[in-house]
């Protein structure tokens, strides 16, 4: 169970780093934010890439499973940062995506 929590935490941190790295340039471009937002955005995207390397599974499997966590974290971001409450359909979609992540990452594999 501890391994599952560590996996979810690592995926969650990875998703937040990616979202922040993309959100700050969006603020700069769409909301006329200050140019210096690009600096923490770049650092956040570097953190995102580094965090992806910490997963012990094969890269393609990590990328596939990460997509499920990204969906859920993006909807949480939508609610907490953008102030838009996710619909029941959004939550159902995130649940399906997380189930896919769990199947990909937690399936028994030969040693």
PDB file of N, CA and C in Angstrom:
ATOM      1  N   UNK A   1       0.823  -1.202   0.000  1.00  0.00           N
ATOM      2  CA  UNK A   1       0.000   0.000   0.000  1.00  0.00           C
ATOM      3  C   UNK A   1       0.867   1.266   0.000  1.00  0.00           C
ATOM      4  N   UNK A   2       1.988   1.192   0.733  1.00  0.00           N
ATOM      5  CA  UNK A   2       2.891   2.338   0.775  1.00  0.00           C
ATOM      6  C   UNK A   2       3.458   2.643  -0.604  1.00  0.00           C
ATOM      7  N   UNK A   3       3.757   1.589  -1.377  1.00  0.00           N
ATOM      8  CA  UNK A   3       4.261   1.794  -2.738  1.00  0.00           C
ATOM      9  C   UNK A   3       3.232   2.481  -3.619  1.00  0.00           C
ATOM     10  N   UNK A   4       1.961   2.145  -3.450  1.00  0.00           N
ATOM     11  CA  UNK A   4       0.897   2.781  -4.222  1.00  0.00           C
ATOM     12  C   UNK A   4       0.800   4.254  -3.858  1.00  0.00           C
ATOM     13  N   UNK A   5       0.889   4.577  -2.565  1.00  0.00           N
ATOM     14  CA  UNK A   5       0.831   5.978  -2.141  1.00  0.00           C
ATOM     15  C   UNK A   5       2.029   6.768  -2.668  1.00  0.00           C
ATOM     16  N   UNK A   6       3.217   6.157  -2.645  1.00  0.00           N
ATOM     17  CA  UNK A   6       4.401   6.820  -3.193  1.00  0.00           C
ATOM     18  C   UNK A   6       4.252   7.051  -4.689  1.00  0.00           C
ATOM     19  N   UNK A   7       3.703   6.056  -5.384  1.00  0.00           N
ATOM     20  CA  UNK A   7       3.475   6.181  -6.824  1.00  0.00           C
ATOM     21  C   UNK A   7       2.508   7.327  -7.119  1.00  0.00           C
ATOM     22  N   UNK A   8       1.401   7.388  -6.382  1.00  0.00           N
ATOM     23  CA  UNK A   8       0.412   8.455  -6.595  1.00  0.00           C
ATOM     24  C   UNK A   8       0.989   9.821  -6.254  1.00  0.00           C
ATOM     25  N   UNK A   9       1.767   9.898  -5.192  1.00  0.00           N
ATOM     26  CA  UNK A   9       2.385  11.166  -4.822  1.00  0.00           C
ATOM     27  C   UNK A   9       3.358  11.635  -5.903  1.00  0.00           C
ATOM     28  N   UNK A  10       4.179  10.717  -6.402  1.00  0.00           N
ATOM     29  CA  UNK A  10       5.130  11.072  -7.449  1.00  0.00           C
ATOM     30  C   UNK A  10       4.405  11.508  -8.724  1.00  0.00           C
ATOM     31  N   UNK A  11       3.381  10.764  -9.110  1.00  0.00           N
ATOM     32  CA  UNK A  11       2.597  11.161 -10.280  1.00  0.00           C
ATOM     33  C   UNK A  11       1.910  12.509 -10.040  1.00  0.00           C
ATOM     34  N   UNK A  12       1.377  12.702  -8.841  1.00  0.00           N
ATOM     35  CA  UNK A  12       0.701  13.969  -8.525  1.00  0.00           C
ATOM     36  C   UNK A  12       1.642  15.154  -8.597  1.00  0.00           C
ATOM     37  N   UNK A  13       2.831  15.015  -8.019  1.00  0.00           N
ATOM     38  CA  UNK A  13       3.827  16.092  -8.091  1.00  0.00           C
ATOM     39  C   UNK A  13       4.254  16.355  -9.531  1.00  0.00           C
ATOM     40  N   UNK A  14       4.383  15.275 -10.304  1.00  0.00           N
ATOM     41  CA  UNK A  14       4.750  15.413 -11.715  1.00  0.00           C
ATOM     42  C   UNK A  14       3.683  16.214 -12.456  1.00  0.00           C
ATOM     43  N   UNK A  15       2.418  15.910 -12.195  1.00  0.00           N
ATOM     44  CA  UNK A  15       1.320  16.610 -12.870  1.00  0.00           C
ATOM     45  C   UNK A  15       1.271  18.085 -12.472  1.00  0.00           C
ATOM     46  N   UNK A  16       1.450  18.370 -11.196  1.00  0.00           N
ATOM     47  CA  UNK A  16       1.439  19.772 -10.751  1.00  0.00           C
ATOM     48  C   UNK A  16       2.584  20.537 -11.410  1.00  0.00           C
ATOM     49  N   UNK A  17       3.765  19.929 -11.482  1.00  0.00           N
ATOM     50  CA  UNK A  17       4.895  20.606 -12.120  1.00  0.00           C
ATOM     51  C   UNK A  17       4.589  20.911 -13.587  1.00  0.00           C
ATOM     52  N   UNK A  18       3.975  19.964 -14.286  1.00  0.00           N
ATOM     53  CA  UNK A  18       3.645  20.205 -15.695  1.00  0.00           C
ATOM     54  C   UNK A  18       2.575  21.284 -15.835  1.00  0.00           C
ATOM     55  N   UNK A  19       1.557  21.211 -15.009  1.00  0.00           N
ATOM     56  CA  UNK A  19       0.467  22.185 -15.112  1.00  0.00           C
ATOM     57  C   UNK A  19       0.970  23.589 -14.799  1.00  0.00           C
ATOM     58  N   UNK A  20       1.772  23.738 -13.753  1.00  0.00           N
ATOM     59  CA  UNK A  20       2.329  25.053 -13.429  1.00  0.00           C
ATOM     60  C   UNK A  20       3.201  25.547 -14.576  1.00  0.00           C
ATOM     61  N   UNK A  21       4.008  24.652 -15.143  1.00  0.00           N
ATOM     62  CA  UNK A  21       4.877  25.029 -16.254  1.00  0.00           C
ATOM     63  C   UNK A  21       4.124  25.475 -17.493  1.00  0.00           C
ATOM     64  N   UNK A  22       2.904  25.027 -17.644  1.00  0.00           N
ATOM     65  CA  UNK A  22       2.081  25.439 -18.782  1.00  0.00           C
ATOM     66  C   UNK A  22       1.131  26.587 -18.427  1.00  0.00           C
ATOM     67  N   UNK A  23       0.706  26.649 -17.186  1.00  0.00           N
ATOM     68  CA  UNK A  23      -0.244  27.675 -16.752  1.00  0.00           C
ATOM     69  C   UNK A  23       0.394  29.060 -16.714  1.00  0.00           C
ATOM     70  N   UNK A  24       1.635  29.140 -16.241  1.00  0.00           N
ATOM     71  CA  UNK A  24       2.282  30.448 -16.146  1.00  0.00           C
ATOM     72  C   UNK A  24       2.482  31.111 -17.509  1.00  0.00           C
ATOM     73  N   UNK A  25       2.952  30.408 -18.540  1.00  0.00           N
ATOM     74  CA  UNK A  25       2.999  31.044 -19.863  1.00  0.00           C
ATOM     75  C   UNK A  25       1.611  31.409 -20.382  1.00  0.00           C
ATOM     76  N   UNK A  26       0.613  30.596 -20.044  1.00  0.00           N
ATOM     77  CA  UNK A  26      -0.761  30.928 -20.438  1.00  0.00           C
ATOM     78  C   UNK A  26      -1.167  32.253 -19.807  1.00  0.00           C
ATOM     79  N   UNK A  27      -0.840  32.443 -18.507  1.00  0.00           N
ATOM     80  CA  UNK A  27      -1.139  33.728 -17.859  1.00  0.00           C
ATOM     81  C   UNK A  27      -0.425  34.870 -18.554  1.00  0.00           C
ATOM     82  N   UNK A  28       0.823  34.636 -18.939  1.00  0.00           N
ATOM     83  CA  UNK A  28       1.604  35.664 -19.613  1.00  0.00           C
ATOM     84  C   UNK A  28       0.995  36.022 -20.968  1.00  0.00           C
ATOM     85  N   UNK A  29       0.621  35.001 -21.740  1.00  0.00           N
ATOM     86  CA  UNK A  29       0.101  35.241 -23.082  1.00  0.00           C
ATOM     87  C   UNK A  29      -1.357  35.706 -23.096  1.00  0.00           C
ATOM     88  N   UNK A  30      -2.204  35.042 -22.342  1.00  0.00           N
ATOM     89  CA  UNK A  30      -3.639  35.303 -22.433  1.00  0.00           C
ATOM     90  C   UNK A  30      -4.142  36.367 -21.467  1.00  0.00           C
ATOM     91  N   UNK A  31      -3.476  36.489 -20.333  1.00  0.00           N
ATOM     92  CA  UNK A  31      -3.925  37.439 -19.301  1.00  0.00           C
ATOM     93  C   UNK A  31      -2.963  38.602 -19.128  1.00  0.00           C
ATOM     94  N   UNK A  32      -2.018  38.704 -20.075  1.00  0.00           N
ATOM     95  CA  UNK A  32      -1.034  39.792 -20.064  1.00  0.00           C
ATOM     96  C   UNK A  32      -0.276  39.875 -18.748  1.00  0.00           C
ATOM     97  N   UNK A  33       0.160  38.712 -18.269  1.00  0.00           N
ATOM     98  CA  UNK A  33       0.970  38.659 -17.052  1.00  0.00           C
ATOM     99  C   UNK A  33       2.375  39.148 -17.341  1.00  0.00           C
ATOM    100  N   UNK A  34       3.148  39.366 -16.283  1.00  0.00           N
ATOM    101  CA  UNK A  34       4.520  39.849 -16.477  1.00  0.00           C
ATOM    102  C   UNK A  34       5.399  38.786 -17.151  1.00  0.00           C
ATOM    103  N   UNK A  35       6.408  39.247 -17.867  1.00  0.00           N
ATOM    104  CA  UNK A  35       7.297  38.358 -18.625  1.00  0.00           C
ATOM    105  C   UNK A  35       8.040  37.380 -17.728  1.00  0.00           C
ATOM    106  N   UNK A  36       8.317  37.791 -16.489  1.00  0.00           N
ATOM    107  CA  UNK A  36       9.121  36.950 -15.612  1.00  0.00           C
ATOM    108  C   UNK A  36       8.395  35.665 -15.205  1.00  0.00           C
ATOM    109  N   UNK A  37       7.100  35.545 -15.504  1.00  0.00           N
ATOM    110  CA  UNK A  37       6.390  34.286 -15.247  1.00  0.00           C
ATOM    111  C   UNK A  37       7.002  33.130 -16.049  1.00  0.00           C
ATOM    112  N   UNK A  38       7.687  33.484 -17.126  1.00  0.00           N
ATOM    113  CA  UNK A  38       8.314  32.445 -17.949  1.00  0.00           C
ATOM    114  C   UNK A  38       9.477  31.758 -17.236  1.00  0.00           C
ATOM    115  N   UNK A  39      10.110  32.447 -16.298  1.00  0.00           N
ATOM    116  CA  UNK A  39      11.241  31.844 -15.574  1.00  0.00           C
ATOM    117  C   UNK A  39      10.786  30.703 -14.664  1.00  0.00           C
ATOM    118  N   UNK A  40       9.829  30.933 -13.750  1.00  0.00           N
ATOM    119  CA  UNK A  40       9.373  29.785 -12.948  1.00  0.00           C
ATOM    120  C   UNK A  40       8.682  28.723 -13.801  1.00  0.00           C
ATOM    121  N   UNK A  41       8.089  29.134 -14.925  1.00  0.00           N
ATOM    122  CA  UNK A  41       7.466  28.145 -15.819  1.00  0.00           C
ATOM    123  C   UNK A  41       8.531  27.199 -16.361  1.00  0.00           C
ATOM    124  N   UNK A  42       9.641  27.739 -16.809  1.00  0.00           N
ATOM    125  CA  UNK A  42      10.726  26.907 -17.324  1.00  0.00           C
ATOM    126  C   UNK A  42      11.286  25.987 -16.254  1.00  0.00           C
ATOM    127  N   UNK A  43      11.459  26.503 -15.049  1.00  0.00           N
ATOM    128  CA  UNK A  43      11.945  25.677 -13.942  1.00  0.00           C
ATOM    129  C   UNK A  43      10.950  24.568 -13.606  1.00  0.00           C
ATOM    130  N   UNK A  44       9.686  24.900 -13.654  1.00  0.00           N
ATOM    131  CA  UNK A  44       8.659  23.908 -13.356  1.00  0.00           C
ATOM    132  C   UNK A  44       8.646  22.801 -14.399  1.00  0.00           C
ATOM    133  N   UNK A  45       8.839  23.157 -15.656  1.00  0.00           N
ATOM    134  CA  UNK A  45       8.881  22.129 -16.703  1.00  0.00           C
ATOM    135  C   UNK A  45      10.139  21.275 -16.596  1.00  0.00           C
ATOM    136  N   UNK A  46      11.242  21.855 -16.152  1.00  0.00           N
ATOM    137  CA  UNK A  46      12.443  21.050 -15.917  1.00  0.00           C
ATOM    138  C   UNK A  46      12.203  20.084 -14.756  1.00  0.00           C
ATOM    139  N   UNK A  47      11.526  20.555 -13.715  1.00  0.00           N
ATOM    140  CA  UNK A  47      11.171  19.685 -12.591  1.00  0.00           C
ATOM    141  C   UNK A  47      10.264  18.553 -13.064  1.00  0.00           C
ATOM    142  N   UNK A  48       9.310  18.872 -13.910  1.00  0.00           N
ATOM    143  CA  UNK A  48       8.401  17.872 -14.475  1.00  0.00           C
ATOM    144  C   UNK A  48       9.180  16.760 -15.180  1.00  0.00           C
ATOM    145  N   UNK A  49      10.122  17.138 -16.020  1.00  0.00           N
ATOM    146  CA  UNK A  49      10.913  16.149 -16.768  1.00  0.00           C
ATOM    147  C   UNK A  49      11.746  15.306 -15.805  1.00  0.00           C
ATOM    148  N   UNK A  50      12.350  15.938 -14.824  1.00  0.00           N
ATOM    149  CA  UNK A  50      13.161  15.206 -13.851  1.00  0.00           C
ATOM    150  C   UNK A  50      12.301  14.232 -13.055  1.00  0.00           C
ATOM    151  N   UNK A  51      11.122  14.672 -12.624  1.00  0.00           N
ATOM    152  CA  UNK A  51      10.236  13.790 -11.858  1.00  0.00           C
ATOM    153  C   UNK A  51       9.831  12.558 -12.673  1.00  0.00           C
ATOM    154  N   UNK A  52       9.638  12.727 -13.966  1.00  0.00           N
ATOM    155  CA  UNK A  52       9.304  11.570 -14.811  1.00  0.00           C
ATOM    156  C   UNK A  52      10.413  10.526 -14.794  1.00  0.00           C
ATOM    157  N   UNK A  53      11.650  10.967 -14.632  1.00  0.00           N
ATOM    158  CA  UNK A  53      12.761  10.015 -14.632  1.00  0.00           C
ATOM    159  C   UNK A  53      12.844   9.215 -13.340  1.00  0.00           C
ATOM    160  N   UNK A  54      12.144   9.614 -12.306  1.00  0.00           N
ATOM    161  CA  UNK A  54      12.217   8.932 -11.012  1.00  0.00           C
ATOM    162  C   UNK A  54      11.347   7.685 -10.942  1.00  0.00           C
ATOM    163  N   UNK A  55      10.483   7.504 -11.915  1.00  0.00           N
ATOM    164  CA  UNK A  55       9.618   6.326 -11.921  1.00  0.00           C
ATOM    165  C   UNK A  55      10.429   5.106 -12.337  1.00  0.00           C
ATOM    166  N   UNK A  56      10.254   3.988 -11.616  1.00  0.00           N
ATOM    167  CA  UNK A  56      11.065   2.810 -11.913  1.00  0.00           C
ATOM    168  C   UNK A  56      10.604   2.020 -13.140  1.00  0.00           C
ATOM    169  N   UNK A  57       9.392   2.230 -13.601  1.00  0.00           N
ATOM    170  CA  UNK A  57       8.855   1.459 -14.734  1.00  0.00           C
ATOM    171  C   UNK A  57       9.433   1.978 -16.050  1.00  0.00           C
ATOM    172  N   UNK A  58       9.229   1.214 -17.119  1.00  0.00           N
ATOM    173  CA  UNK A  58       9.659   1.613 -18.461  1.00  0.00           C
ATOM    174  C   UNK A  58       9.008   2.948 -18.832  1.00  0.00           C
ATOM    175  N   UNK A  59       9.743   3.769 -19.549  1.00  0.00           N
ATOM    176  CA  UNK A  59       9.293   5.125 -19.857  1.00  0.00           C
ATOM    177  C   UNK A  59       7.923   5.152 -20.527  1.00  0.00           C
ATOM    178  N   UNK A  60       7.699   4.333 -21.518  1.00  0.00           N
ATOM    179  CA  UNK A  60       6.412   4.336 -22.216  1.00  0.00           C
ATOM    180  C   UNK A  60       5.258   3.994 -21.297  1.00  0.00           C
ATOM    181  N   UNK A  61       5.481   3.051 -20.401  1.00  0.00           N
ATOM    182  CA  UNK A  61       4.442   2.678 -19.433  1.00  0.00           C
ATOM    183  C   UNK A  61       4.170   3.834 -18.480  1.00  0.00           C
ATOM    184  N   UNK A  62       5.219   4.507 -18.041  1.00  0.00           N
ATOM    185  CA  UNK A  62       5.056   5.658 -17.150  1.00  0.00           C
ATOM    186  C   UNK A  62       4.272   6.757 -17.850  1.00  0.00           C
ATOM    187  N   UNK A  63       4.614   7.052 -19.105  1.00  0.00           N
ATOM    188  CA  UNK A  63       3.913   8.116 -19.829  1.00  0.00           C
ATOM    189  C   UNK A  63       2.433   7.773 -20.005  1.00  0.00           C
ATOM    190  N   UNK A  64       2.150   6.530 -20.318  1.00  0.00           N
ATOM    191  CA  UNK A  64       0.760   6.110 -20.509  1.00  0.00           C
ATOM    192  C   UNK A  64      -0.028   6.233 -19.209  1.00  0.00           C
ATOM    193  N   UNK A  65       0.542   5.751 -18.126  1.00  0.00           N
ATOM    194  CA  UNK A  65      -0.157   5.800 -16.845  1.00  0.00           C
ATOM    195  C   UNK A  65      -0.251   7.227 -16.318  1.00  0.00           C
ATOM    196  N   UNK A  66       0.776   8.018 -16.545  1.00  0.00           N
ATOM    197  CA  UNK A  66       0.786   9.407 -16.083  1.00  0.00           C
ATOM    198  C   UNK A  66      -0.401  10.187 -16.642  1.00  0.00           C
ATOM    199  N   UNK A  67      -0.796   9.867 -17.858  1.00  0.00           N
ATOM    200  CA  UNK A  67      -1.923  10.565 -18.469  1.00  0.00           C
ATOM    201  C   UNK A  67      -3.181  10.489 -17.611  1.00  0.00           C
ATOM    202  N   UNK A  68      -3.423   9.354 -16.980  1.00  0.00           N
ATOM    203  CA  UNK A  68      -4.596   9.208 -16.119  1.00  0.00           C
ATOM    204  C   UNK A  68      -4.539  10.118 -14.908  1.00  0.00           C
ATOM    205  N   UNK A  69      -3.376  10.200 -14.302  1.00  0.00           N
ATOM    206  CA  UNK A  69      -3.218  11.075 -13.135  1.00  0.00           C
ATOM    207  C   UNK A  69      -3.307  12.533 -13.563  1.00  0.00           C
ATOM    208  N   UNK A  70      -2.736  12.849 -14.717  1.00  0.00           N
ATOM    209  CA  UNK A  70      -2.789  14.222 -15.219  1.00  0.00           C
ATOM    210  C   UNK A  70      -4.234  14.686 -15.377  1.00  0.00           C
ATOM    211  N   UNK A  71      -5.088  13.831 -15.905  1.00  0.00           N
ATOM    212  CA  UNK A  71      -6.501  14.180 -16.080  1.00  0.00           C
ATOM    213  C   UNK A  71      -7.123  14.560 -14.736  1.00  0.00           C
ATOM    214  N   UNK A  72      -6.897  13.741 -13.721  1.00  0.00           N
ATOM    215  CA  UNK A  72      -7.480  14.001 -12.407  1.00  0.00           C
ATOM    216  C   UNK A  72      -6.925  15.280 -11.780  1.00  0.00           C
ATOM    217  N   UNK A  73      -5.603  15.478 -11.872  1.00  0.00           N
ATOM    218  CA  UNK A  73      -4.988  16.668 -11.281  1.00  0.00           C
ATOM    219  C   UNK A  73      -5.420  17.925 -12.045  1.00  0.00           C
ATOM    220  N   UNK A  74      -5.556  17.832 -13.357  1.00  0.00           N
ATOM    221  CA  UNK A  74      -6.002  18.983 -14.144  1.00  0.00           C
ATOM    222  C   UNK A  74      -7.421  19.398 -13.742  1.00  0.00           C
ATOM    223  N   UNK A  75      -8.276  18.432 -13.463  1.00  0.00           N
ATOM    224  CA  UNK A  75      -9.634  18.773 -13.018  1.00  0.00           C
ATOM    225  C   UNK A  75      -9.622  19.372 -11.616  1.00  0.00           C
ATOM    226  N   UNK A  76      -8.729  18.899 -10.768  1.00  0.00           N
ATOM    227  CA  UNK A  76      -8.576  19.497  -9.440  1.00  0.00           C
ATOM    228  C   UNK A  76      -8.075  20.933  -9.575  1.00  0.00           C
ATOM    229  N   UNK A  77      -7.139  21.156 -10.489  1.00  0.00           N
ATOM    230  CA  UNK A  77      -6.638  22.507 -10.773  1.00  0.00           C
ATOM    231  C   UNK A  77      -7.784  23.398 -11.266  1.00  0.00           C
ATOM    232  N   UNK A  78      -8.597  22.857 -12.154  1.00  0.00           N
ATOM    233  CA  UNK A  78      -9.751  23.588 -12.678  1.00  0.00           C
ATOM    234  C   UNK A  78     -10.606  24.112 -11.537  1.00  0.00           C
ATOM    235  N   UNK A  79     -10.814  23.279 -10.542  1.00  0.00           N
ATOM    236  CA  UNK A  79     -11.657  23.637  -9.415  1.00  0.00           C
ATOM    237  C   UNK A  79     -10.955  24.613  -8.466  1.00  0.00           C
ATOM    238  N   UNK A  80      -9.720  24.274  -8.046  1.00  0.00           N
ATOM    239  CA  UNK A  80      -9.045  25.061  -7.018  1.00  0.00           C
ATOM    240  C   UNK A  80      -8.456  26.372  -7.524  1.00  0.00           C
ATOM    241  N   UNK A  81      -7.942  26.390  -8.755  1.00  0.00           N
ATOM    242  CA  UNK A  81      -7.278  27.588  -9.275  1.00  0.00           C
ATOM    243  C   UNK A  81      -8.211  28.409 -10.153  1.00  0.00           C
ATOM    244  N   UNK A  82      -8.912  27.735 -11.068  1.00  0.00           N
ATOM    245  CA  UNK A  82      -9.787  28.462 -11.992  1.00  0.00           C
ATOM    246  C   UNK A  82     -11.175  28.725 -11.405  1.00  0.00           C
ATOM    247  N   UNK A  83     -11.500  28.048 -10.308  1.00  0.00           N
ATOM    248  CA  UNK A  83     -12.795  28.276  -9.664  1.00  0.00           C
ATOM    249  C   UNK A  83     -13.971  27.668 -10.400  1.00  0.00           C
ATOM    250  N   UNK A  84     -13.712  26.667 -11.240  1.00  0.00           N
ATOM    251  CA  UNK A  84     -14.774  25.997 -11.992  1.00  0.00           C
ATOM    252  C   UNK A  84     -14.956  24.605 -11.401  1.00  0.00           C
ATOM    253  N   UNK A  85     -16.123  24.360 -10.853  1.00  0.00           N
ATOM    254  CA  UNK A  85     -16.371  23.061 -10.232  1.00  0.00           C
ATOM    255  C   UNK A  85     -16.558  21.989 -11.300  1.00  0.00           C
ATOM    256  N   UNK A  86     -15.800  20.890 -11.209  1.00  0.00           N
ATOM    257  CA  UNK A  86     -15.951  19.808 -12.187  1.00  0.00           C
ATOM    258  C   UNK A  86     -17.352  19.193 -12.121  1.00  0.00           C
ATOM    259  N   UNK A  87     -17.852  18.785 -13.267  1.00  0.00           N
ATOM    260  CA  UNK A  87     -19.174  18.150 -13.328  1.00  0.00           C
ATOM    261  C   UNK A  87     -19.057  16.683 -12.931  1.00  0.00           C
ATOM    262  N   UNK A  88     -20.180  16.058 -12.773  1.00  0.00           N
ATOM    263  CA  UNK A  88     -20.192  14.622 -12.512  1.00  0.00           C
ATOM    264  C   UNK A  88     -19.522  13.849 -13.629  1.00  0.00           C
ATOM    265  N   UNK A  89     -19.707  14.319 -14.864  1.00  0.00           N
ATOM    266  CA  UNK A  89     -19.067  13.666 -16.011  1.00  0.00           C
ATOM    267  C   UNK A  89     -17.552  13.818 -15.946  1.00  0.00           C
ATOM    268  N   UNK A  90     -17.092  14.998 -15.520  1.00  0.00           N
ATOM    269  CA  UNK A  90     -15.650  15.208 -15.351  1.00  0.00           C
ATOM    270  C   UNK A  90     -15.089  14.226 -14.322  1.00  0.00           C
ATOM    271  N   UNK A  91     -15.787  14.099 -13.215  1.00  0.00           N
ATOM    272  CA  UNK A  91     -15.333  13.206 -12.145  1.00  0.00           C
ATOM    273  C   UNK A  91     -15.359  11.756 -12.610  1.00  0.00           C
ATOM    274  N   UNK A  92     -16.401  11.384 -13.337  1.00  0.00           N
ATOM    275  CA  UNK A  92     -16.479  10.013 -13.864  1.00  0.00           C
ATOM    276  C   UNK A  92     -15.324   9.747 -14.828  1.00  0.00           C
ATOM    277  N   UNK A  93     -15.032  10.703 -15.688  1.00  0.00           N
ATOM    278  CA  UNK A  93     -13.918  10.547 -16.626  1.00  0.00           C
ATOM    279  C   UNK A  93     -12.589  10.424 -15.907  1.00  0.00           C
ATOM    280  N   UNK A  94     -12.391  11.237 -14.865  1.00  0.00           N
ATOM    281  CA  UNK A  94     -11.151  11.148 -14.088  1.00  0.00           C
ATOM    282  C   UNK A  94     -11.049   9.796 -13.392  1.00  0.00           C
ATOM    283  N   UNK A  95     -12.171   9.281 -12.887  1.00  0.00           N
ATOM    284  CA  UNK A  95     -12.164   7.965 -12.226  1.00  0.00           C
ATOM    285  C   UNK A  95     -11.769   6.870 -13.210  1.00  0.00           C
ATOM    286  N   UNK A  96     -12.304   6.941 -14.416  1.00  0.00           N
ATOM    287  CA  UNK A  96     -11.944   5.955 -15.445  1.00  0.00           C
ATOM    288  C   UNK A  96     -10.460   6.072 -15.784  1.00  0.00           C
ATOM    289  N   UNK A  97      -9.973   7.306 -15.926  1.00  0.00           N
ATOM    290  CA  UNK A  97      -8.561   7.518 -16.246  1.00  0.00           C
ATOM    291  C   UNK A  97      -7.665   6.977 -15.127  1.00  0.00           C
ATOM    292  N   UNK A  98      -8.064   7.196 -13.873  1.00  0.00           N
ATOM    293  CA  UNK A  98      -7.279   6.680 -12.748  1.00  0.00           C
ATOM    294  C   UNK A  98      -7.313   5.159 -12.685  1.00  0.00           C
ATOM    295  N   UNK A  99      -8.438   4.578 -13.050  1.00  0.00           N
ATOM    296  CA  UNK A  99      -8.508   3.106 -13.116  1.00  0.00           C
ATOM    297  C   UNK A  99      -7.543   2.587 -14.179  1.00  0.00           C
ATOM    298  N   UNK A 100      -7.480   3.270 -15.310  1.00  0.00           N
ATOM    299  CA  UNK A 100      -6.531   2.894 -16.354  1.00  0.00           C
ATOM    300  C   UNK A 100      -5.098   2.992 -15.864  1.00  0.00           C
ATOM    301  N   UNK A 101      -4.787   4.070 -15.137  1.00  0.00           N
ATOM    302  CA  UNK A 101      -3.446   4.227 -14.576  1.00  0.00           C
ATOM    303  C   UNK A 101      -3.127   3.076 -13.634  1.00  0.00           C
ATOM    304  N   UNK A 102      -4.084   2.729 -12.776  1.00  0.00           N
ATOM    305  CA  UNK A 102      -3.850   1.652 -11.807  1.00  0.00           C
ATOM    306  C   UNK A 102      -3.615   0.318 -12.512  1.00  0.00           C
ATOM    307  N   UNK A 103      -4.390   0.050 -13.555  1.00  0.00           N
ATOM    308  CA  UNK A 103      -4.208  -1.200 -14.295  1.00  0.00           C
ATOM    309  C   UNK A 103      -2.819  -1.247 -14.924  1.00  0.00           C
ATOM    310  N   UNK A 104      -2.409  -0.144 -15.532  1.00  0.00           N
ATOM    311  CA  UNK A 104      -1.105  -0.098 -16.206  1.00  0.00           C
ATOM    312  C   UNK A 104       0.043  -0.242 -15.199  1.00  0.00           C
ATOM    313  N   UNK A 105      -0.031   0.479 -14.103  1.00  0.00           N
ATOM    314  CA  UNK A 105       1.111   0.522 -13.182  1.00  0.00           C
ATOM    315  C   UNK A 105       1.141  -0.617 -12.168  1.00  0.00           C
ATOM    316  N   UNK A 106      -0.034  -1.166 -11.811  1.00  0.00           N
ATOM    317  CA  UNK A 106      -0.076  -2.130 -10.721  1.00  0.00           C
ATOM    318  C   UNK A 106      -0.276  -3.569 -11.186  1.00  0.00           C
ATOM    319  N   UNK A 107      -0.377  -3.764 -12.482  1.00  0.00           N
ATOM    320  CA  UNK A 107      -0.560  -5.134 -12.999  1.00  0.00           C
ATOM    321  C   UNK A 107       0.659  -5.977 -12.653  1.00  0.00           C
ATOM    322  N   UNK A 108       0.430  -7.251 -12.318  1.00  0.00           N
ATOM    323  CA  UNK A 108       1.580  -8.126 -12.054  1.00  0.00           C
ATOM    324  C   UNK A 108       2.401  -8.317 -13.336  1.00  0.00           C
ATOM    325  N   UNK A 109       3.695  -8.289 -13.174  1.00  0.00           N
ATOM    326  CA  UNK A 109       4.591  -8.443 -14.317  1.00  0.00           C
ATOM    327  C   UNK A 109       5.661  -9.480 -13.954  1.00  0.00           C
ATOM    328  N   UNK A 110       6.134 -10.210 -14.948  1.00  0.00           N
ATOM    329  CA  UNK A 110       7.230 -11.149 -14.679  1.00  0.00           C
ATOM    330  C   UNK A 110       8.481 -10.392 -14.234  1.00  0.00           C
ATOM    331  N   UNK A 111       9.222 -10.975 -13.337  1.00  0.00           N
ATOM    332  CA  UNK A 111      10.419 -10.327 -12.795  1.00  0.00           C
ATOM    333  C   UNK A 111      11.549 -10.250 -13.764  1.00  0.00           C
TER     334      UNK A 111
END
